[in-house]
PDB file of N, CA and C in Angstrom:
ATOM      1  N   MET A   1     139.446 186.267  99.906  1.00  0.00           N
ATOM      2  CA  MET A   1     139.506 186.361 101.161  1.00  0.00           C
ATOM      3  C   MET A   1     141.123 185.755 101.413  1.00  0.00           C
ATOM      4  N   GLY A   2     141.767 186.167 102.260  1.00  0.00           N
ATOM      5  CA  GLY A   2     143.046 185.858 102.836  1.00  0.00           C
ATOM      6  C   GLY A   2     144.095 186.817 102.290  1.00  0.00           C
ATOM      7  N   ARG A   3     145.279 186.381 102.395  1.00  0.00           N
ATOM      8  CA  ARG A   3     146.300 187.356 102.100  1.00  0.00           C
ATOM      9  C   ARG A   3     146.911 186.837 100.591  1.00  0.00           C
ATOM     10  N   VAL A   4     147.504 187.769  99.815  1.00  0.00           N
ATOM     11  CA  VAL A   4     147.891 187.584  98.536  1.00  0.00           C
ATOM     12  C   VAL A   4     149.648 187.540  98.607  1.00  0.00           C
ATOM     13  N   PRO A   5     150.244 186.350  98.591  1.00  0.00           N
ATOM     14  CA  PRO A   5     151.472 186.301  98.786  1.00  0.00           C
ATOM     15  C   PRO A   5     152.290 187.160  97.648  1.00  0.00           C
ATOM     16  N   GLY A   6     153.448 187.994  98.077  1.00  0.00           N
ATOM     17  CA  GLY A   6     153.941 188.921  97.132  1.00  0.00           C
ATOM     18  C   GLY A   6     155.127 187.981  96.623  1.00  0.00           C
ATOM     19  N   PRO A   7     156.068 188.304  95.431  1.00  0.00           N
ATOM     20  CA  PRO A   7     156.973 187.796  94.980  1.00  0.00           C
ATOM     21  C   PRO A   7     158.008 187.227  96.092  1.00  0.00           C
ATOM     22  N   GLY A   8     158.459 185.783  96.055  1.00  0.00           N
ATOM     23  CA  GLY A   8     159.416 185.609  96.959  1.00  0.00           C
ATOM     24  C   GLY A   8     158.743 185.080  98.280  1.00  0.00           C
ATOM     25  N   GLU A   9     157.535 185.528  98.643  1.00  0.00           N
ATOM     26  CA  GLU A   9     156.937 184.992  99.942  1.00  0.00           C
ATOM     27  C   GLU A   9     156.250 183.731  99.839  1.00  0.00           C
ATOM     28  N   PRO A  10     156.116 182.930 100.670  1.00  0.00           N
ATOM     29  CA  PRO A  10     155.751 181.416 100.756  1.00  0.00           C
ATOM     30  C   PRO A  10     154.214 181.515 100.562  1.00  0.00           C
ATOM     31  N   ARG A  11     153.427 180.583 100.171  1.00  0.00           N
ATOM     32  CA  ARG A  11     152.056 180.456  99.882  1.00  0.00           C
ATOM     33  C   ARG A  11     151.523 180.392 101.334  1.00  0.00           C
ATOM     34  N   TRP A  12     152.081 179.689 102.191  1.00  0.00           N
ATOM     35  CA  TRP A  12     151.619 179.272 103.622  1.00  0.00           C
ATOM     36  C   TRP A  12     152.573 179.826 104.402  1.00  0.00           C
ATOM     37  N   THR A  13     152.280 180.733 105.349  1.00  0.00           N
ATOM     38  CA  THR A  13     153.047 181.225 106.434  1.00  0.00           C
ATOM     39  C   THR A  13     153.167 180.071 107.571  1.00  0.00           C
ATOM     40  N   GLU A  14     154.064 180.543 108.722  1.00  0.00           N
ATOM     41  CA  GLU A  14     154.146 179.491 109.757  1.00  0.00           C
ATOM     42  C   GLU A  14     152.779 179.483 110.356  1.00  0.00           C
ATOM     43  N   GLU A  15     152.023 180.621 110.454  1.00  0.00           N
ATOM     44  CA  GLU A  15     150.902 180.696 111.363  1.00  0.00           C
ATOM     45  C   GLU A  15     149.607 180.119 110.483  1.00  0.00           C
ATOM     46  N   ASP A  16     149.723 180.102 108.883  1.00  0.00           N
ATOM     47  CA  ASP A  16     148.675 179.648 108.142  1.00  0.00           C
ATOM     48  C   ASP A  16     149.027 178.128 108.540  1.00  0.00           C
ATOM     49  N   THR A  17     150.038 177.301 108.580  1.00  0.00           N
ATOM     50  CA  THR A  17     150.156 176.003 108.664  1.00  0.00           C
ATOM     51  C   THR A  17     149.871 175.523 109.975  1.00  0.00           C
ATOM     52  N   ALA A  18     150.243 176.336 111.129  1.00  0.00           N
ATOM     53  CA  ALA A  18     149.537 176.026 112.455  1.00  0.00           C
ATOM     54  C   ALA A  18     148.254 175.986 112.597  1.00  0.00           C
ATOM     55  N   LEU A  19     147.438 177.057 111.855  1.00  0.00           N
ATOM     56  CA  LEU A  19     145.980 176.890 111.910  1.00  0.00           C
ATOM     57  C   LEU A  19     145.513 175.897 111.148  1.00  0.00           C
ATOM     58  N   ALA A  20     145.956 175.520 110.071  1.00  0.00           N
ATOM     59  CA  ALA A  20     145.781 174.351 109.347  1.00  0.00           C
ATOM     60  C   ALA A  20     145.726 173.269 110.042  1.00  0.00           C
ATOM     61  N   VAL A  21     146.823 172.938 110.905  1.00  0.00           N
ATOM     62  CA  VAL A  21     147.104 171.691 111.673  1.00  0.00           C
ATOM     63  C   VAL A  21     146.072 171.645 112.688  1.00  0.00           C
ATOM     64  N   GLU A  22     145.892 172.687 113.287  1.00  0.00           N
ATOM     65  CA  GLU A  22     145.024 172.926 114.484  1.00  0.00           C
ATOM     66  C   GLU A  22     143.456 172.386 113.885  1.00  0.00           C
ATOM     67  N   TRP A  23     143.145 172.992 112.931  1.00  0.00           N
ATOM     68  CA  TRP A  23     141.651 172.731 112.254  1.00  0.00           C
ATOM     69  C   TRP A  23     141.484 171.389 112.056  1.00  0.00           C
ATOM     70  N   GLN A  24     142.498 170.518 111.399  1.00  0.00           N
ATOM     71  CA  GLN A  24     142.450 169.414 110.838  1.00  0.00           C
ATOM     72  C   GLN A  24     142.516 168.324 112.378  1.00  0.00           C
ATOM     73  N   ARG A  25     143.154 168.726 113.383  1.00  0.00           N
ATOM     74  CA  ARG A  25     143.202 168.249 114.759  1.00  0.00           C
ATOM     75  C   ARG A  25     141.812 168.261 115.290  1.00  0.00           C
ATOM     76  N   LEU A  26     140.985 169.194 115.494  1.00  0.00           N
ATOM     77  CA  LEU A  26     139.561 169.391 115.709  1.00  0.00           C
ATOM     78  C   LEU A  26     138.648 168.519 114.868  1.00  0.00           C
ATOM     79  N   ARG A  27     138.890 168.373 113.635  1.00  0.00           N
ATOM     80  CA  ARG A  27     137.804 167.706 112.715  1.00  0.00           C
ATOM     81  C   ARG A  27     138.371 166.158 113.306  1.00  0.00           C
ATOM     82  N   ASP A  28     139.449 165.762 113.367  1.00  0.00           N
ATOM     83  CA  ASP A  28     139.625 164.503 113.680  1.00  0.00           C
ATOM     84  C   ASP A  28     139.208 163.878 114.855  1.00  0.00           C
ATOM     85  N   GLU A  29     139.007 165.020 115.904  1.00  0.00           N
ATOM     86  CA  GLU A  29     138.685 164.650 117.403  1.00  0.00           C
ATOM     87  C   GLU A  29     136.942 164.926 117.625  1.00  0.00           C
ATOM     88  N   THR A  30     136.617 164.993 116.292  1.00  0.00           N
ATOM     89  CA  THR A  30     134.882 165.574 116.506  1.00  0.00           C
ATOM     90  C   THR A  30     133.924 164.486 115.802  1.00  0.00           C
ATOM     91  N   CYS A  31     132.977 163.919 116.179  1.00  0.00           N
ATOM     92  CA  CYS A  31     131.982 162.938 115.432  1.00  0.00           C
ATOM     93  C   CYS A  31     131.583 163.687 114.296  1.00  0.00           C
ATOM     94  N   SER A  32     131.589 163.147 113.187  1.00  0.00           N
ATOM     95  CA  SER A  32     131.202 163.635 111.867  1.00  0.00           C
ATOM     96  C   SER A  32     129.351 163.650 111.861  1.00  0.00           C
ATOM     97  N   GLY A  33     129.101 162.732 112.592  1.00  0.00           N
ATOM     98  CA  GLY A  33     127.521 162.500 112.702  1.00  0.00           C
ATOM     99  C   GLY A  33     126.699 163.310 113.589  1.00  0.00           C
ATOM    100  N   CYS A  34     127.377 163.617 114.806  1.00  0.00           N
ATOM    101  CA  CYS A  34     126.807 164.658 115.890  1.00  0.00           C
ATOM    102  C   CYS A  34     127.372 165.865 116.182  1.00  0.00           C
ATOM    103  N   GLY A  35     128.737 165.961 115.793  1.00  0.00           N
ATOM    104  CA  GLY A  35     129.576 167.031 115.994  1.00  0.00           C
ATOM    105  C   GLY A  35     130.032 167.126 117.560  1.00  0.00           C
ATOM    106  N   GLN A  36     129.931 166.239 118.293  1.00  0.00           N
ATOM    107  CA  GLN A  36     130.567 166.183 119.528  1.00  0.00           C
ATOM    108  C   GLN A  36     131.819 165.694 119.692  1.00  0.00           C
ATOM    109  N   PRO A  37     132.613 165.767 120.624  1.00  0.00           N
ATOM    110  CA  PRO A  37     134.151 165.403 120.691  1.00  0.00           C
ATOM    111  C   PRO A  37     133.977 164.087 120.767  1.00  0.00           C
ATOM    112  N   LEU A  38     134.566 163.490 120.124  1.00  0.00           N
ATOM    113  CA  LEU A  38     134.904 161.962 120.345  1.00  0.00           C
ATOM    114  C   LEU A  38     135.342 161.457 121.687  1.00  0.00           C
ATOM    115  N   SER A  39     135.811 161.967 122.305  1.00  0.00           N
ATOM    116  CA  SER A  39     136.328 161.864 123.738  1.00  0.00           C
ATOM    117  C   SER A  39     135.177 161.472 124.571  1.00  0.00           C
ATOM    118  N   GLU A  40     134.144 162.367 124.440  1.00  0.00           N
ATOM    119  CA  GLU A  40     132.975 162.303 125.081  1.00  0.00           C
ATOM    120  C   GLU A  40     131.940 161.418 124.582  1.00  0.00           C
ATOM    121  N   GLY A  41     131.954 161.177 123.117  1.00  0.00           N
ATOM    122  CA  GLY A  41     130.759 160.519 122.365  1.00  0.00           C
ATOM    123  C   GLY A  41     131.297 159.018 122.430  1.00  0.00           C
ATOM    124  N   LEU A  42     132.393 158.693 122.580  1.00  0.00           N
ATOM    125  CA  LEU A  42     132.697 157.269 122.642  1.00  0.00           C
ATOM    126  C   LEU A  42     132.766 156.744 124.023  1.00  0.00           C
ATOM    127  N   ASP A  43     132.795 157.666 125.102  1.00  0.00           N
ATOM    128  CA  ASP A  43     132.828 157.034 126.471  1.00  0.00           C
ATOM    129  C   ASP A  43     131.322 156.944 127.042  1.00  0.00           C
ATOM    130  N   GLU A  44     131.186 155.517 127.189  1.00  0.00           N
ATOM    131  CA  GLU A  44     130.112 154.681 127.600  1.00  0.00           C
ATOM    132  C   GLU A  44     129.337 155.366 128.659  1.00  0.00           C
ATOM    133  N   ALA A  45     130.211 155.906 129.730  1.00  0.00           N
ATOM    134  CA  ALA A  45     129.558 156.641 130.995  1.00  0.00           C
ATOM    135  C   ALA A  45     129.054 157.961 130.552  1.00  0.00           C
ATOM    136  N   SER A  46     129.203 158.629 129.473  1.00  0.00           N
ATOM    137  CA  SER A  46     128.685 159.994 129.183  1.00  0.00           C
ATOM    138  C   SER A  46     127.266 159.799 129.025  1.00  0.00           C
ATOM    139  N   GLU A  47     126.436 160.557 129.503  1.00  0.00           N
ATOM    140  CA  GLU A  47     125.094 161.087 129.358  1.00  0.00           C
ATOM    141  C   GLU A  47     124.709 162.004 128.300  1.00  0.00           C
ATOM    142  N   TRP A  48     123.809 161.791 127.603  1.00  0.00           N
ATOM    143  CA  TRP A  48     123.365 162.874 126.603  1.00  0.00           C
ATOM    144  C   TRP A  48     121.764 163.266 126.856  1.00  0.00           C
ATOM    145  N   HIS A  49     121.484 164.437 126.284  1.00  0.00           N
ATOM    146  CA  HIS A  49     120.142 164.993 126.228  1.00  0.00           C
ATOM    147  C   HIS A  49     119.852 165.193 124.749  1.00  0.00           C
ATOM    148  N   LEU A  50     118.750 164.822 124.531  1.00  0.00           N
ATOM    149  CA  LEU A  50     118.207 165.004 123.035  1.00  0.00           C
ATOM    150  C   LEU A  50     117.522 166.173 123.111  1.00  0.00           C
ATOM    151  N   HIS A  51     117.741 167.178 121.680  1.00  0.00           N
ATOM    152  CA  HIS A  51     116.929 168.301 121.861  1.00  0.00           C
ATOM    153  C   HIS A  51     116.459 168.343 120.192  1.00  0.00           C
ATOM    154  N   LYS A  52     115.028 168.244 120.257  1.00  0.00           N
ATOM    155  CA  LYS A  52     114.203 168.254 118.930  1.00  0.00           C
ATOM    156  C   LYS A  52     114.363 169.797 118.431  1.00  0.00           C
ATOM    157  N   LEU A  53     114.760 169.795 117.064  1.00  0.00           N
ATOM    158  CA  LEU A  53     114.715 171.287 116.654  1.00  0.00           C
ATOM    159  C   LEU A  53     113.988 171.031 115.474  1.00  0.00           C
ATOM    160  N   GLN A  54     113.421 171.984 114.862  1.00  0.00           N
ATOM    161  CA  GLN A  54     112.736 172.099 113.485  1.00  0.00           C
ATOM    162  C   GLN A  54     113.188 173.418 112.961  1.00  0.00           C
ATOM    163  N   CYS A  55     114.104 173.251 111.772  1.00  0.00           N
ATOM    164  CA  CYS A  55     114.351 174.226 110.934  1.00  0.00           C
ATOM    165  C   CYS A  55     113.418 174.388 109.931  1.00  0.00           C
ATOM    166  N   PHE A  56     112.764 175.444 109.952  1.00  0.00           N
ATOM    167  CA  PHE A  56     111.708 175.894 108.923  1.00  0.00           C
ATOM    168  C   PHE A  56     112.366 176.190 107.626  1.00  0.00           C
ATOM    169  N   ALA A  57     113.533 176.543 107.492  1.00  0.00           N
ATOM    170  CA  ALA A  57     114.139 176.857 105.892  1.00  0.00           C
ATOM    171  C   ALA A  57     114.336 175.252 105.468  1.00  0.00           C
ATOM    172  N   CYS A  58     114.836 174.435 106.333  1.00  0.00           N
ATOM    173  CA  CYS A  58     115.101 172.986 105.827  1.00  0.00           C
ATOM    174  C   CYS A  58     113.621 172.442 105.401  1.00  0.00           C
ATOM    175  N   GLU A  59     112.649 172.815 106.016  1.00  0.00           N
ATOM    176  CA  GLU A  59     111.434 172.229 105.835  1.00  0.00           C
ATOM    177  C   GLU A  59     111.041 172.539 104.516  1.00  0.00           C
ATOM    178  N   VAL A  60     110.972 173.614 104.235  1.00  0.00           N
ATOM    179  CA  VAL A  60     110.716 174.297 102.723  1.00  0.00           C
ATOM    180  C   VAL A  60     111.555 173.712 101.459  1.00  0.00           C
ATOM    181  N   LYS A  61     112.858 173.680 101.959  1.00  0.00           N
ATOM    182  CA  LYS A  61     113.790 173.073 101.059  1.00  0.00           C
ATOM    183  C   LYS A  61     113.351 171.584 100.674  1.00  0.00           C
ATOM    184  N   GLU A  62     113.496 170.696 101.760  1.00  0.00           N
ATOM    185  CA  GLU A  62     113.094 169.379 101.974  1.00  0.00           C
ATOM    186  C   GLU A  62     111.614 169.121 100.995  1.00  0.00           C
ATOM    187  N   ARG A  63     110.644 169.853 101.266  1.00  0.00           N
ATOM    188  CA  ARG A  63     109.394 169.504 100.606  1.00  0.00           C
ATOM    189  C   ARG A  63     109.469 169.986  99.155  1.00  0.00           C
ATOM    190  N   ALA A  64     110.222 170.779  98.938  1.00  0.00           N
ATOM    191  CA  ALA A  64     110.312 171.235  97.477  1.00  0.00           C
ATOM    192  C   ALA A  64     111.441 170.143  96.876  1.00  0.00           C
ATOM    193  N   GLU A  65     112.174 169.563  97.257  1.00  0.00           N
ATOM    194  CA  GLU A  65     113.231 168.623  96.791  1.00  0.00           C
ATOM    195  C   GLU A  65     112.097 167.309  96.572  1.00  0.00           C
ATOM    196  N   GLN A  66     111.270 166.876  97.552  1.00  0.00           N
ATOM    197  CA  GLN A  66     110.592 165.863  97.239  1.00  0.00           C
ATOM    198  C   GLN A  66     109.479 166.028  96.251  1.00  0.00           C
ATOM    199  N   ALA A  67     108.998 167.113  95.974  1.00  0.00           N
ATOM    200  CA  ALA A  67     108.163 167.260  95.199  1.00  0.00           C
ATOM    201  C   ALA A  67     108.567 167.399  93.689  1.00  0.00           C
ATOM    202  N   VAL A  68     109.770 167.402  93.277  1.00  0.00           N
ATOM    203  CA  VAL A  68     110.672 167.069  92.050  1.00  0.00           C
ATOM    204  C   VAL A  68     110.163 165.825  91.620  1.00  0.00           C
ATOM    205  N   GLU A  69     109.679 165.678  90.329  1.00  0.00           N
ATOM    206  CA  GLU A  69     109.239 164.434  89.990  1.00  0.00           C
ATOM    207  C   GLU A  69     110.322 163.659  89.273  1.00  0.00           C
ATOM    208  N   LYS A  70     111.274 164.505  88.359  1.00  0.00           N
ATOM    209  CA  LYS A  70     112.470 164.204  88.042  1.00  0.00           C
ATOM    210  C   LYS A  70     113.603 164.963  88.271  1.00  0.00           C
ATOM    211  N   PRO A  71     114.665 164.373  88.987  1.00  0.00           N
ATOM    212  CA  PRO A  71     115.811 165.061  89.175  1.00  0.00           C
ATOM    213  C   PRO A  71     116.671 165.723  88.116  1.00  0.00           C
ATOM    214  N   ILE A  72     117.072 166.632  88.096  1.00  0.00           N
ATOM    215  CA  ILE A  72     117.888 167.378  87.049  1.00  0.00           C
ATOM    216  C   ILE A  72     119.382 167.376  87.563  1.00  0.00           C
ATOM    217  N   PRO A  73     120.386 166.926  86.637  1.00  0.00           N
ATOM    218  CA  PRO A  73     121.558 166.710  87.418  1.00  0.00           C
ATOM    219  C   PRO A  73     121.952 168.290  87.529  1.00  0.00           C
ATOM    220  N   GLY A  74     122.949 168.430  88.634  1.00  0.00           N
ATOM    221  CA  GLY A  74     123.390 169.572  88.915  1.00  0.00           C
ATOM    222  C   GLY A  74     122.653 170.720  89.658  1.00  0.00           C
ATOM    223  N   ARG A  75     121.170 170.461  89.812  1.00  0.00           N
ATOM    224  CA  ARG A  75     120.280 171.258  90.231  1.00  0.00           C
ATOM    225  C   ARG A  75     120.533 171.430  91.894  1.00  0.00           C
ATOM    226  N   LYS A  76     120.672 172.597  92.273  1.00  0.00           N
ATOM    227  CA  LYS A  76     120.646 172.592  93.889  1.00  0.00           C
ATOM    228  C   LYS A  76     119.632 173.600  94.221  1.00  0.00           C
ATOM    229  N   LEU A  77     118.975 173.325  95.359  1.00  0.00           N
ATOM    230  CA  LEU A  77     117.653 174.121  96.073  1.00  0.00           C
ATOM    231  C   LEU A  77     118.413 174.659  96.992  1.00  0.00           C
ATOM    232  N   SER A  78     118.367 176.090  97.322  1.00  0.00           N
ATOM    233  CA  SER A  78     118.406 176.711  98.353  1.00  0.00           C
ATOM    234  C   SER A  78     117.553 177.758  98.659  1.00  0.00           C
ATOM    235  N   VAL A  79     117.584 178.218 100.155  1.00  0.00           N
ATOM    236  CA  VAL A  79     116.453 178.980 100.787  1.00  0.00           C
ATOM    237  C   VAL A  79     117.426 180.144 101.108  1.00  0.00           C
ATOM    238  N   SER A  80     116.424 181.440 101.215  1.00  0.00           N
ATOM    239  CA  SER A  80     116.770 182.615 101.566  1.00  0.00           C
ATOM    240  C   SER A  80     115.889 183.191 102.422  1.00  0.00           C
ATOM    241  N   TYR A  81     116.052 184.001 103.454  1.00  0.00           N
ATOM    242  CA  TYR A  81     115.502 184.532 104.520  1.00  0.00           C
ATOM    243  C   TYR A  81     114.371 185.737 103.957  1.00  0.00           C
ATOM    244  N   ALA A  82     113.346 185.725 103.861  1.00  0.00           N
ATOM    245  CA  ALA A  82     112.545 186.441 103.328  1.00  0.00           C
ATOM    246  C   ALA A  82     111.819 187.531 104.354  1.00  0.00           C
ATOM    247  N   GLY A  83     111.941 187.484 105.769  1.00  0.00           N
ATOM    248  CA  GLY A  83     111.430 188.221 106.489  1.00  0.00           C
ATOM    249  C   GLY A  83     110.423 187.532 107.365  1.00  0.00           C
ATOM    250  N   ARG A  84     109.787 188.097 108.376  1.00  0.00           N
ATOM    251  CA  ARG A  84     108.761 187.652 109.230  1.00  0.00           C
ATOM    252  C   ARG A  84     107.321 188.045 108.719  1.00  0.00           C
ATOM    253  N   ARG A  85     106.407 186.988 108.876  1.00  0.00           N
ATOM    254  CA  ARG A  85     105.002 187.334 108.565  1.00  0.00           C
ATOM    255  C   ARG A  85     104.758 188.281 109.807  1.00  0.00           C
ATOM    256  N   PRO A  86     103.641 189.171 109.559  1.00  0.00           N
ATOM    257  CA  PRO A  86     103.144 189.886 110.591  1.00  0.00           C
ATOM    258  C   PRO A  86     102.360 188.943 111.668  1.00  0.00           C
ATOM    259  N   VAL A  87     102.509 189.035 113.032  1.00  0.00           N
ATOM    260  CA  VAL A  87     101.919 188.544 113.974  1.00  0.00           C
ATOM    261  C   VAL A  87     100.558 189.149 114.352  1.00  0.00           C
ATOM    262  N   LEU A  88      99.358 188.619 114.107  1.00  0.00           N
ATOM    263  CA  LEU A  88      98.209 189.484 114.199  1.00  0.00           C
ATOM    264  C   LEU A  88      97.764 188.977 115.624  1.00  0.00           C
ATOM    265  N   PRO A  89      97.393 190.054 116.557  1.00  0.00           N
ATOM    266  CA  PRO A  89      96.846 189.938 117.787  1.00  0.00           C
ATOM    267  C   PRO A  89      95.610 188.907 117.815  1.00  0.00           C
ATOM    268  N   ASP A  90      95.469 188.332 119.052  1.00  0.00           N
ATOM    269  CA  ASP A  90      94.254 187.457 119.463  1.00  0.00           C
ATOM    270  C   ASP A  90      93.008 188.278 119.395  1.00  0.00           C
TER     271      ASP A  90
END
C-alpha cells in the first residue's frame, strides 16, 4: 500500500510529511483512554453521557482467553464474522 519511490525520488513527499504531522497532532490532542479530544476531556465544565455497549465478538474472544489454562507465548486469538443465526418467528 502506498507509492513506491522511483530512482532519485524522496521516500516521503511534502504531502506525506504534512499528513504524518497532522496525524501525530491529532493523536497528541486525543485522550488515549477514551478517544475524546483532550480540550474537552480536561475541561471540568464538560458534561458527558455514558453509553454501554456490548461487542459480542469481544465476548467470544475474551471468554476463550479466560478459558486458556496455560498461556502460550505468542498466541493471539482473533474472531471473524460467520454470519447471522436465523431468527425464528414467535
